[in-house]
C-alpha atoms as a PDB file:
ATOM      1  CA  MET A   1     -56.196 -37.669  33.943  1.00  0.00           C
ATOM      2  CA  SER A   2     -56.109 -34.384  35.395  1.00  0.00           C
ATOM      3  CA  LEU A   3     -57.800 -33.243  38.293  1.00  0.00           C
ATOM      4  CA  PHE A   4     -60.915 -31.054  36.265  1.00  0.00           C
ATOM      5  CA  ARG A   5     -61.478 -33.918  33.900  1.00  0.00           C
ATOM      6  CA  SER A   6     -61.804 -36.514  36.562  1.00  0.00           C
ATOM      7  CA  THR A   7     -64.225 -33.937  38.490  1.00  0.00           C
ATOM      8  CA  LEU A   8     -66.401 -33.563  35.451  1.00  0.00           C
ATOM      9  CA  ILE A   9     -66.856 -37.505  34.418  1.00  0.00           C
ATOM     10  CA  THR A  10     -67.940 -37.891  38.563  1.00  0.00           C
ATOM     11  CA  ILE A  11     -69.808 -34.960  37.764  1.00  0.00           C
ATOM     12  CA  ALA A  12     -71.523 -36.898  34.780  1.00  0.00           C
ATOM     13  CA  LEU A  13     -71.840 -40.385  36.877  1.00  0.00           C
ATOM     14  CA  LEU A  14     -73.641 -38.933  39.710  1.00  0.00           C
ATOM     15  CA  PHE A  15     -76.053 -36.705  37.702  1.00  0.00           C
ATOM     16  CA  GLY A  16     -77.038 -39.537  35.229  1.00  0.00           C
ATOM     17  CA  ILE A  17     -77.605 -38.928  31.512  1.00  0.00           C
ATOM     18  CA  ALA A  18     -81.168 -37.146  32.031  1.00  0.00           C
ATOM     19  CA  GLU A  19     -82.177 -36.680  34.930  1.00  0.00           C
ATOM     20  CA  ALA A  20     -82.514 -33.208  36.575  1.00  0.00           C
ATOM     21  CA  VAL A  21     -81.050 -32.113  39.639  1.00  0.00           C
ATOM     22  CA  GLU A  22     -83.606 -29.328  41.037  1.00  0.00           C
ATOM     23  CA  ILE A  23     -82.478 -27.391  43.621  1.00  0.00           C
ATOM     24  CA  ASP A  24     -84.189 -24.315  45.061  1.00  0.00           C
ATOM     25  CA  PHE A  25     -83.310 -21.128  45.069  1.00  0.00           C
ATOM     26  CA  ASP A  26     -83.401 -17.280  47.034  1.00  0.00           C
ATOM     27  CA  PRO A  27     -83.902 -14.765  44.631  1.00  0.00           C
ATOM     28  CA  ASN A  28     -83.931 -12.048  47.813  1.00  0.00           C
ATOM     29  CA  ARG A  29     -80.603 -10.292  46.299  1.00  0.00           C
ATOM     30  CA  GLY A  30     -81.688 -10.527  42.929  1.00  0.00           C
ATOM     31  CA  LEU A  31     -79.107 -13.384  42.763  1.00  0.00           C
ATOM     32  CA  VAL A  32     -79.724 -16.817  41.883  1.00  0.00           C
ATOM     33  CA  GLU A  33     -78.269 -18.338  45.351  1.00  0.00           C
ATOM     34  CA  VAL A  34     -78.188 -21.734  46.369  1.00  0.00           C
ATOM     35  CA  GLU A  35     -77.351 -23.537  49.547  1.00  0.00           C
ATOM     36  CA  VAL A  36     -74.386 -25.802  49.583  1.00  0.00           C
ATOM     37  CA  ILE A  37     -72.185 -28.042  52.324  1.00  0.00           C
ATOM     38  CA  VAL A  38     -68.617 -28.217  51.471  1.00  0.00           C
ATOM     39  CA  ASN A  39     -66.498 -30.651  52.749  1.00  0.00           C
ATOM     40  CA  GLY A  40     -69.282 -32.318  54.223  1.00  0.00           C
ATOM     41  CA  ARG A  41     -69.718 -30.093  57.360  1.00  0.00           C
ATOM     42  CA  ALA A  42     -68.717 -26.112  55.873  1.00  0.00           C
ATOM     43  CA  GLU A  43     -72.390 -24.518  54.970  1.00  0.00           C
ATOM     44  CA  GLY A  44     -72.893 -21.724  52.776  1.00  0.00           C
ATOM     45  CA  THR A  45     -74.852 -19.726  50.329  1.00  0.00           C
ATOM     46  CA  PHE A  46     -72.943 -19.506  46.870  1.00  0.00           C
ATOM     47  CA  GLY A  47     -73.753 -18.077  43.596  1.00  0.00           C
ATOM     48  CA  ILE A  48     -74.449 -19.229  40.383  1.00  0.00           C
ATOM     49  CA  ASP A  49     -72.568 -17.228  38.075  1.00  0.00           C
ATOM     50  CA  THR A  50     -72.948 -17.276  34.453  1.00  0.00           C
ATOM     51  CA  GLY A  51     -70.233 -14.364  34.432  1.00  0.00           C
ATOM     52  CA  ALA A  52     -67.498 -16.173  35.959  1.00  0.00           C
ATOM     53  CA  ASP A  53     -64.882 -18.248  34.756  1.00  0.00           C
ATOM     54  CA  ARG A  54     -64.726 -20.890  37.069  1.00  0.00           C
ATOM     55  CA  LEU A  55     -65.418 -22.126  41.122  1.00  0.00           C
ATOM     56  CA  TYR A  56     -64.741 -19.268  43.778  1.00  0.00           C
ATOM     57  CA  ILE A  57     -64.413 -19.337  47.330  1.00  0.00           C
ATOM     58  CA  ASP A  58     -64.870 -15.925  49.622  1.00  0.00           C
ATOM     59  CA  LYS A  59     -61.389 -15.582  51.485  1.00  0.00           C
ATOM     60  CA  THR A  60     -63.115 -14.909  55.058  1.00  0.00           C
ATOM     61  CA  TRP A  61     -65.680 -17.439  54.733  1.00  0.00           C
ATOM     62  CA  ALA A  62     -63.053 -20.304  53.639  1.00  0.00           C
ATOM     63  CA  GLU A  63     -60.886 -18.753  56.700  1.00  0.00           C
ATOM     64  CA  ASP A  64     -63.737 -19.025  58.725  1.00  0.00           C
ATOM     65  CA  ASN A  65     -64.403 -22.374  58.016  1.00  0.00           C
ATOM     66  CA  ASP A  66     -60.942 -23.577  58.378  1.00  0.00           C
ATOM     67  CA  LEU A  67     -60.324 -24.563  54.790  1.00  0.00           C
ATOM     68  CA  LYS A  68     -56.931 -25.348  53.516  1.00  0.00           C
ATOM     69  CA  PHE A  69     -55.291 -23.228  50.597  1.00  0.00           C
ATOM     70  CA  LYS A  70     -52.572 -24.747  48.606  1.00  0.00           C
ATOM     71  CA  ASP A  71     -49.225 -24.544  48.715  1.00  0.00           C
ATOM     72  CA  ASN A  72     -48.301 -23.400  45.238  1.00  0.00           C
ATOM     73  CA  PRO A  73     -47.503 -19.618  44.394  1.00  0.00           C
ATOM     74  CA  PRO A  74     -51.103 -17.474  44.378  1.00  0.00           C
ATOM     75  CA  ARG A  75     -52.601 -17.781  41.111  1.00  0.00           C
ATOM     76  CA  ARG A  76     -53.334 -14.667  39.059  1.00  0.00           C
ATOM     77  CA  GLY A  77     -55.468 -11.950  40.440  1.00  0.00           C
ATOM     78  CA  VAL A  78     -59.185 -11.567  39.579  1.00  0.00           C
ATOM     79  CA  ALA A  79     -60.734  -8.534  38.339  1.00  0.00           C
ATOM     80  CA  GLY A  80     -64.527  -7.664  38.647  1.00  0.00           C
ATOM     81  CA  ILE A  81     -66.613  -4.674  37.688  1.00  0.00           C
ATOM     82  CA  HIS A  82     -65.494  -2.661  41.132  1.00  0.00           C
ATOM     83  CA  GLY A  83     -62.471  -3.990  41.886  1.00  0.00           C
ATOM     84  CA  SER A  84     -59.694  -6.780  41.744  1.00  0.00           C
ATOM     85  CA  SER A  85     -58.496  -9.414  44.219  1.00  0.00           C
ATOM     86  CA  ASP A  86     -55.770 -11.619  44.691  1.00  0.00           C
ATOM     87  CA  ALA A  87     -56.111 -15.264  44.309  1.00  0.00           C
ATOM     88  CA  ARG A  88     -55.356 -18.685  45.636  1.00  0.00           C
ATOM     89  CA  GLY A  89     -55.872 -22.190  45.006  1.00  0.00           C
ATOM     90  CA  ILE A  90     -57.993 -24.627  47.257  1.00  0.00           C
ATOM     91  CA  ASP A  91     -58.889 -28.170  46.802  1.00  0.00           C
ATOM     92  CA  LEU A  92     -62.300 -29.268  47.746  1.00  0.00           C
ATOM     93  CA  ARG A  93     -63.120 -32.371  49.075  1.00  0.00           C
ATOM     94  CA  SER A  94     -66.746 -32.301  47.929  1.00  0.00           C
ATOM     95  CA  LEU A  95     -69.376 -29.536  47.311  1.00  0.00           C
ATOM     96  CA  GLN A  96     -73.199 -30.705  47.720  1.00  0.00           C
ATOM     97  CA  LEU A  97     -76.222 -28.674  46.403  1.00  0.00           C
ATOM     98  CA  ASP A  98     -79.128 -30.539  47.589  1.00  0.00           C
ATOM     99  CA  ASP A  99     -79.158 -33.929  47.314  1.00  0.00           C
ATOM    100  CA  GLU A 100     -76.286 -34.309  45.322  1.00  0.00           C
ATOM    101  CA  ARG A 101     -72.300 -33.611  46.069  1.00  0.00           C
ATOM    102  CA  LEU A 102     -69.978 -32.908  43.546  1.00  0.00           C
ATOM    103  CA  TYR A 103     -66.161 -34.489  44.857  1.00  0.00           C
ATOM    104  CA  ASN A 104     -62.706 -33.181  44.341  1.00  0.00           C
ATOM    105  CA  LEU A 105     -63.266 -29.954  43.099  1.00  0.00           C
ATOM    106  CA  ASP A 106     -60.612 -27.441  42.268  1.00  0.00           C
ATOM    107  CA  ALA A 107     -61.564 -24.144  43.387  1.00  0.00           C
ATOM    108  CA  THR A 108     -59.792 -20.013  43.634  1.00  0.00           C
ATOM    109  CA  VAL A 109     -60.223 -18.229  46.771  1.00  0.00           C
ATOM    110  CA  ILE A 110     -60.792 -14.883  46.686  1.00  0.00           C
ATOM    111  CA  ASP A 111     -62.117 -11.550  48.502  1.00  0.00           C
ATOM    112  CA  ILE A 112     -65.656 -11.363  47.092  1.00  0.00           C
ATOM    113  CA  GLY A 113     -66.213  -8.249  48.791  1.00  0.00           C
ATOM    114  CA  ALA A 114     -63.427  -6.374  46.851  1.00  0.00           C
ATOM    115  CA  LEU A 115     -64.710  -6.920  43.553  1.00  0.00           C
ATOM    116  CA  VAL A 116     -68.965  -5.680  44.755  1.00  0.00           C
ATOM    117  CA  SER A 117     -69.782  -2.347  44.879  1.00  0.00           C
ATOM    118  CA  SER A 118     -69.756  -1.214  48.264  1.00  0.00           C
ATOM    119  CA  PRO A 119     -68.032  -3.160  51.194  1.00  0.00           C
ATOM    120  CA  ASN A 120     -71.495  -2.807  53.253  1.00  0.00           C
ATOM    121  CA  ILE A 121     -73.197  -4.841  50.853  1.00  0.00           C
ATOM    122  CA  SER A 122     -73.793  -8.648  51.420  1.00  0.00           C
ATOM    123  CA  HIS A 123     -72.545 -11.018  48.915  1.00  0.00           C
ATOM    124  CA  PRO A 124     -72.344 -14.867  48.251  1.00  0.00           C
ATOM    125  CA  ASP A 125     -69.811 -17.226  50.174  1.00  0.00           C
ATOM    126  CA  GLY A 126     -68.453 -18.739  46.762  1.00  0.00           C
ATOM    127  CA  LEU A 127     -69.530 -18.634  43.188  1.00  0.00           C
ATOM    128  CA  ILE A 128     -70.438 -21.337  40.604  1.00  0.00           C
ATOM    129  CA  GLY A 129     -69.153 -20.190  36.958  1.00  0.00           C
ATOM    130  CA  TYR A 130     -68.689 -21.759  34.304  1.00  0.00           C
ATOM    131  CA  ASP A 131     -65.585 -24.393  34.537  1.00  0.00           C
ATOM    132  CA  VAL A 132     -68.400 -26.173  36.307  1.00  0.00           C
ATOM    133  CA  LEU A 133     -71.607 -25.094  34.608  1.00  0.00           C
ATOM    134  CA  LYS A 134     -70.568 -25.582  30.856  1.00  0.00           C
ATOM    135  CA  ARG A 135     -71.358 -29.450  31.155  1.00  0.00           C
ATOM    136  CA  PHE A 136     -74.839 -28.898  31.878  1.00  0.00           C
ATOM    137  CA  TYR A 137     -78.091 -27.334  30.485  1.00  0.00           C
ATOM    138  CA  VAL A 138     -78.853 -24.835  33.039  1.00  0.00           C
ATOM    139  CA  THR A 139     -82.265 -23.935  33.474  1.00  0.00           C
ATOM    140  CA  VAL A 140     -83.099 -21.287  36.054  1.00  0.00           C
ATOM    141  CA  ASP A 141     -86.960 -20.504  36.619  1.00  0.00           C
ATOM    142  CA  TYR A 142     -86.733 -17.440  38.476  1.00  0.00           C
ATOM    143  CA  PRO A 143     -90.930 -17.249  38.938  1.00  0.00           C
ATOM    144  CA  GLU A 144     -90.193 -20.588  40.657  1.00  0.00           C
ATOM    145  CA  SER A 145     -87.113 -19.403  42.423  1.00  0.00           C
ATOM    146  CA  LEU A 146     -85.969 -23.142  40.771  1.00  0.00           C
ATOM    147  CA  MET A 147     -82.836 -24.131  39.388  1.00  0.00           C
ATOM    148  CA  GLU A 148     -82.229 -27.405  37.069  1.00  0.00           C
ATOM    149  CA  LEU A 149     -79.004 -28.887  35.744  1.00  0.00           C
ATOM    150  CA  ARG A 150     -78.989 -31.492  33.402  1.00  0.00           C
ATOM    151  CA  THR A 151     -76.404 -33.620  31.642  1.00  0.00           C
ATOM    152  CA  GLY A 152     -78.697 -35.162  28.803  1.00  0.00           C
ATOM    153  CA  GLU A 153     -80.773 -33.197  26.562  1.00  0.00           C
ATOM    154  CA  PRO A 154     -84.256 -32.491  28.073  1.00  0.00           C
ATOM    155  CA  ASP A 155     -87.577 -32.698  26.616  1.00  0.00           C
ATOM    156  CA  ASP A 156     -88.445 -29.373  27.687  1.00  0.00           C
ATOM    157  CA  VAL A 157     -85.576 -27.964  25.797  1.00  0.00           C
ATOM    158  CA  LEU A 158     -86.869 -29.441  22.214  1.00  0.00           C
ATOM    159  CA  GLU A 159     -89.891 -28.059  22.971  1.00  0.00           C
ATOM    160  CA  ALA A 160     -88.359 -24.461  23.542  1.00  0.00           C
ATOM    161  CA  MET A 161     -86.186 -24.911  20.257  1.00  0.00           C
ATOM    162  CA  SER A 162     -88.389 -22.246  18.463  1.00  0.00           C
ATOM    163  CA  ASN A 163     -87.751 -19.884  21.413  1.00  0.00           C
ATOM    164  CA  ALA A 164     -83.897 -19.430  21.137  1.00  0.00           C
ATOM    165  CA  THR A 165     -81.674 -16.920  21.185  1.00  0.00           C
ATOM    166  CA  PRO A 166     -78.325 -17.167  20.121  1.00  0.00           C
ATOM    167  CA  PHE A 167     -75.704 -15.926  22.138  1.00  0.00           C
ATOM    168  CA  ARG A 168     -71.317 -15.544  22.039  1.00  0.00           C
ATOM    169  CA  GLN A 169     -69.057 -16.567  23.764  1.00  0.00           C
ATOM    170  CA  LEU A 170     -66.229 -13.916  25.706  1.00  0.00           C
ATOM    171  CA  ARG A 171     -64.285 -16.232  27.050  1.00  0.00           C
ATOM    172  CA  HIS A 172     -66.461 -17.861  30.052  1.00  0.00           C
ATOM    173  CA  MET A 173     -68.714 -14.941  29.381  1.00  0.00           C
ATOM    174  CA  ILE A 174     -72.475 -15.221  27.867  1.00  0.00           C
ATOM    175  CA  ILE A 175     -73.280 -12.379  25.356  1.00  0.00           C
ATOM    176  CA  VAL A 176     -76.625 -11.739  23.554  1.00  0.00           C
ATOM    177  CA  ASP A 177     -77.728  -9.028  21.801  1.00  0.00           C
ATOM    178  CA  VAL A 178     -80.156  -6.473  23.386  1.00  0.00           C
ATOM    179  CA  VAL A 179     -82.501  -4.015  21.643  1.00  0.00           C
ATOM    180  CA  PHE A 180     -83.183  -0.622  23.858  1.00  0.00           C
ATOM    181  CA  ASN A 181     -86.503   1.161  22.969  1.00  0.00           C
ATOM    182  CA  ASP A 182     -86.563  -0.458  19.852  1.00  0.00           C
ATOM    183  CA  GLU A 183     -83.490   1.183  18.486  1.00  0.00           C
ATOM    184  CA  ILE A 184     -80.824   0.715  19.748  1.00  0.00           C
ATOM    185  CA  GLU A 185     -78.990  -2.853  19.884  1.00  0.00           C
ATOM    186  CA  VAL A 186     -76.052  -3.529  21.620  1.00  0.00           C
ATOM    187  CA  PRO A 187     -73.981  -6.514  23.121  1.00  0.00           C
ATOM    188  CA  MET A 188     -74.893  -7.797  26.988  1.00  0.00           C
ATOM    189  CA  VAL A 189     -73.988 -10.106  29.200  1.00  0.00           C
ATOM    190  CA  LEU A 190     -76.345 -12.106  30.427  1.00  0.00           C
ATOM    191  CA  ASP A 191     -75.258 -12.719  34.217  1.00  0.00           C
ATOM    192  CA  TYR A 192     -77.572 -14.829  37.084  1.00  0.00           C
ATOM    193  CA  CYS A 193     -75.645 -13.238  39.799  1.00  0.00           C
ATOM    194  CA  ALA A 194     -75.960  -9.617  38.807  1.00  0.00           C
ATOM    195  CA  SER A 195     -79.172  -8.306  40.941  1.00  0.00           C
ATOM    196  CA  HIS A 196     -79.803  -5.147  38.543  1.00  0.00           C
ATOM    197  CA  THR A 197     -79.262  -4.993  35.083  1.00  0.00           C
ATOM    198  CA  SER A 198     -76.064  -2.469  34.581  1.00  0.00           C
ATOM    199  CA  ILE A 199     -75.455  -0.168  31.520  1.00  0.00           C
ATOM    200  CA  SER A 200     -72.218   1.280  30.517  1.00  0.00           C
ATOM    201  CA  THR A 201     -72.130   5.474  30.267  1.00  0.00           C
ATOM    202  CA  ASP A 202     -72.169   5.356  26.789  1.00  0.00           C
ATOM    203  CA  LEU A 203     -75.592   3.266  26.868  1.00  0.00           C
ATOM    204  CA  ALA A 204     -76.527   5.517  29.192  1.00  0.00           C
ATOM    205  CA  GLU A 205     -75.716   8.970  26.941  1.00  0.00           C
ATOM    206  CA  GLU A 206     -77.353   7.447  24.175  1.00  0.00           C
ATOM    207  CA  LEU A 207     -80.405   6.436  25.840  1.00  0.00           C
ATOM    208  CA  GLU A 208     -80.921   9.886  27.195  1.00  0.00           C
ATOM    209  CA  LEU A 209     -80.500   9.131  30.709  1.00  0.00           C
ATOM    210  CA  SER A 210     -77.764   9.838  33.641  1.00  0.00           C
ATOM    211  CA  THR A 211     -74.104   8.831  32.674  1.00  0.00           C
ATOM    212  CA  ARG A 212     -73.317   8.996  36.668  1.00  0.00           C
ATOM    213  CA  PRO A 213     -71.643   5.714  37.704  1.00  0.00           C
ATOM    214  CA  GLY A 214     -73.830   4.552  40.252  1.00  0.00           C
ATOM    215  CA  ALA A 215     -76.974   6.242  39.163  1.00  0.00           C
ATOM    216  CA  ARG A 216     -80.044   3.861  39.123  1.00  0.00           C
ATOM    217  CA  VAL A 217     -82.232   4.634  36.180  1.00  0.00           C
ATOM    218  CA  ARG A 218     -85.236   3.327  34.224  1.00  0.00           C
ATOM    219  CA  ALA A 219     -84.935   1.660  30.610  1.00  0.00           C
ATOM    220  CA  PRO A 220     -88.170   2.429  29.280  1.00  0.00           C
ATOM    221  CA  LYS A 221     -87.994  -0.650  26.936  1.00  0.00           C
ATOM    222  CA  ILE A 222     -85.317  -4.201  26.695  1.00  0.00           C
ATOM    223  CA  ALA A 223     -85.771  -6.653  24.553  1.00  0.00           C
ATOM    224  CA  VAL A 224     -84.091  -9.831  23.789  1.00  0.00           C
ATOM    225  CA  GLY A 225     -84.630 -12.229  20.818  1.00  0.00           C
ATOM    226  CA  ASP A 226     -88.227 -12.341  19.664  1.00  0.00           C
ATOM    227  CA  ASP A 227     -89.870 -13.377  23.111  1.00  0.00           C
ATOM    228  CA  MET A 228     -88.020 -11.354  26.228  1.00  0.00           C
ATOM    229  CA  GLU A 229     -89.514  -7.927  26.432  1.00  0.00           C
ATOM    230  CA  SER A 230     -89.626  -6.013  29.701  1.00  0.00           C
ATOM    231  CA  ARG A 231     -90.452  -2.427  30.306  1.00  0.00           C
ATOM    232  CA  ASN A 232     -89.701   0.569  32.774  1.00  0.00           C
ATOM    233  CA  VAL A 233     -86.312  -2.070  33.770  1.00  0.00           C
ATOM    234  CA  LEU A 234     -84.359  -0.970  36.643  1.00  0.00           C
ATOM    235  CA  CYS A 235     -80.678  -0.358  36.117  1.00  0.00           C
ATOM    236  CA  VAL A 236     -77.800   1.037  37.113  1.00  0.00           C
ATOM    237  CA  VAL A 237     -74.511   2.967  35.073  1.00  0.00           C
ATOM    238  CA  THR A 238     -71.488   1.283  35.592  1.00  0.00           C
ATOM    239  CA  ASP A 239     -67.971   2.020  34.604  1.00  0.00           C
ATOM    240  CA  PHE A 240     -66.676  -1.099  33.030  1.00  0.00           C
ATOM    241  CA  SER A 241     -63.067  -0.138  32.137  1.00  0.00           C
ATOM    242  CA  ASN A 242     -61.955  -2.141  35.130  1.00  0.00           C
ATOM    243  CA  LEU A 243     -63.384  -5.960  34.296  1.00  0.00           C
ATOM    244  CA  LYS A 244     -62.850  -4.419  30.072  1.00  0.00           C
ATOM    245  CA  ARG A 245     -58.975  -4.450  30.446  1.00  0.00           C
ATOM    246  CA  SER A 246     -59.160  -8.083  32.405  1.00  0.00           C
ATOM    247  CA  VAL A 247     -60.602  -9.518  29.403  1.00  0.00           C
ATOM    248  CA  ARG A 248     -59.304  -9.057  25.546  1.00  0.00           C
ATOM    249  CA  LYS A 249     -61.190  -7.474  23.072  1.00  0.00           C
ATOM    250  CA  ALA A 250     -64.117  -6.998  25.238  1.00  0.00           C
ATOM    251  CA  ASP A 251     -67.238  -6.080  23.678  1.00  0.00           C
ATOM    252  CA  PHE A 252     -70.272  -5.353  25.749  1.00  0.00           C
ATOM    253  CA  GLU A 253     -72.417  -2.483  27.022  1.00  0.00           C
ATOM    254  CA  GLY A 254     -73.512  -4.030  30.249  1.00  0.00           C
ATOM    255  CA  LEU A 255     -75.191  -6.745  32.224  1.00  0.00           C
ATOM    256  CA  LEU A 256     -78.423  -8.370  31.762  1.00  0.00           C
ATOM    257  CA  GLY A 257     -79.338  -8.929  35.600  1.00  0.00           C
ATOM    258  CA  GLY A 258     -82.463  -9.932  38.040  1.00  0.00           C
ATOM    259  CA  SER A 259     -83.990  -6.870  37.060  1.00  0.00           C
ATOM    260  CA  PHE A 260     -84.776  -7.987  33.678  1.00  0.00           C
ATOM    261  CA  LEU A 261     -84.539 -12.219  34.254  1.00  0.00           C
ATOM    262  CA  TYR A 262     -86.386 -12.114  37.174  1.00  0.00           C
ATOM    263  CA  GLU A 263     -89.820 -12.787  34.504  1.00  0.00           C
ATOM    264  CA  TYR A 264     -88.352 -15.616  32.817  1.00  0.00           C
ATOM    265  CA  LYS A 265     -87.600 -19.472  33.161  1.00  0.00           C
ATOM    266  CA  LEU A 266     -84.676 -19.568  30.452  1.00  0.00           C
ATOM    267  CA  THR A 267     -82.423 -22.534  29.905  1.00  0.00           C
ATOM    268  CA  VAL A 268     -78.538 -21.922  28.655  1.00  0.00           C
ATOM    269  CA  ASP A 269     -77.344 -24.451  26.116  1.00  0.00           C
ATOM    270  CA  TYR A 270     -73.598 -23.958  25.783  1.00  0.00           C
ATOM    271  CA  THR A 271     -73.260 -26.785  23.687  1.00  0.00           C
ATOM    272  CA  ARG A 272     -75.352 -24.852  20.754  1.00  0.00           C
ATOM    273  CA  LYS A 273     -75.139 -21.657  22.047  1.00  0.00           C
ATOM    274  CA  ARG A 274     -78.293 -20.620  22.804  1.00  0.00           C
ATOM    275  CA  VAL A 275     -80.670 -19.513  25.736  1.00  0.00           C
ATOM    276  CA  TYR A 276     -84.303 -20.964  25.793  1.00  0.00           C
ATOM    277  CA  LEU A 277     -87.289 -19.555  26.775  1.00  0.00           C
ATOM    278  CA  HIS A 278     -89.947 -21.679  28.446  1.00  0.00           C
ATOM    279  CA  GLU A 279     -93.165 -20.126  28.241  1.00  0.00           C
ATOM    280  CA  GLU A 280     -95.999 -20.675  30.786  1.00  0.00           C
END
C-alpha cells in the first residue's frame, strides 16, 4: 500500500464518517490560513489552497524548524503566477490542525516567497492542497472565519444542493464560469489562497480597465451561478503566462480570491464537482 493511500485511510479513520472538524482561520491577509503543528513541535501558519496540487512546506520555515529533507533527487520544479521554485521531498510524521492530527504525510518543500508577487509580502509557512483536500467536503465560512472538513455527506450540503454551481477540474484546480457586468463570461480558478481576485490582461482589456500587470482595478459586477453576486470587486491585473505554461491546456482568465469570496459560506464537493452556497 502506498504511503499516500495509507495516509488517506488514516485521515478517514481520524475524522469519522460524518464528523465535522471545525477550525478557526485568520482572514486578515485575505487568505484561509490555519495554525498547525508539524511533527508535534514546529508551529506554523498554513494556507488552505484550492489552487495547489499537494501539501507544500516553505523551505526557510522547514530549515528553521530542523525538518529533514528526503535524500531522493530533487522533484520537478513548481511554477506559480509570479515565479518558480525548486522542489524537494519531505516526510512529515504528523500535521496537527486544531485538535485533529494527520500522520505520515508526503510533502514538497519549495520557496513559497519565490511564487508571490513581491519578496516583501509575507506568506504562509505551508500550503494544504488538493492531495489532502479532495477526500473531504471542504466548507469555508468567510463571515464566521471558520473552516470545516467532513468525510461524510453533511446535512447542510444536502440542503444547499439547490444552490449548486458546477465546476470543472483542470488537474487540481477548480474552474468555475464567472460573469462580469452581466455580459462577459470567462472561466476562472476558485482559489482560497489568493487574497485578491486576479484577472488576465486580456480580460482587463475586454472590461475596458487598465491592462498594466499589477494594476488594481474595480470590477463593477461579478457573478457566479444564480446566487453569488458582488459589486465593485477589487481585482489585480495579472500576467498568467508563467502559470499557463506549466499547466497543459490551461483555460482560465483569472483567480477568484478573497476580495470576492469573503462574503460567502461555500462547500466544495470534489466528488460531484459542485460548489454549494449556504445562505444565512
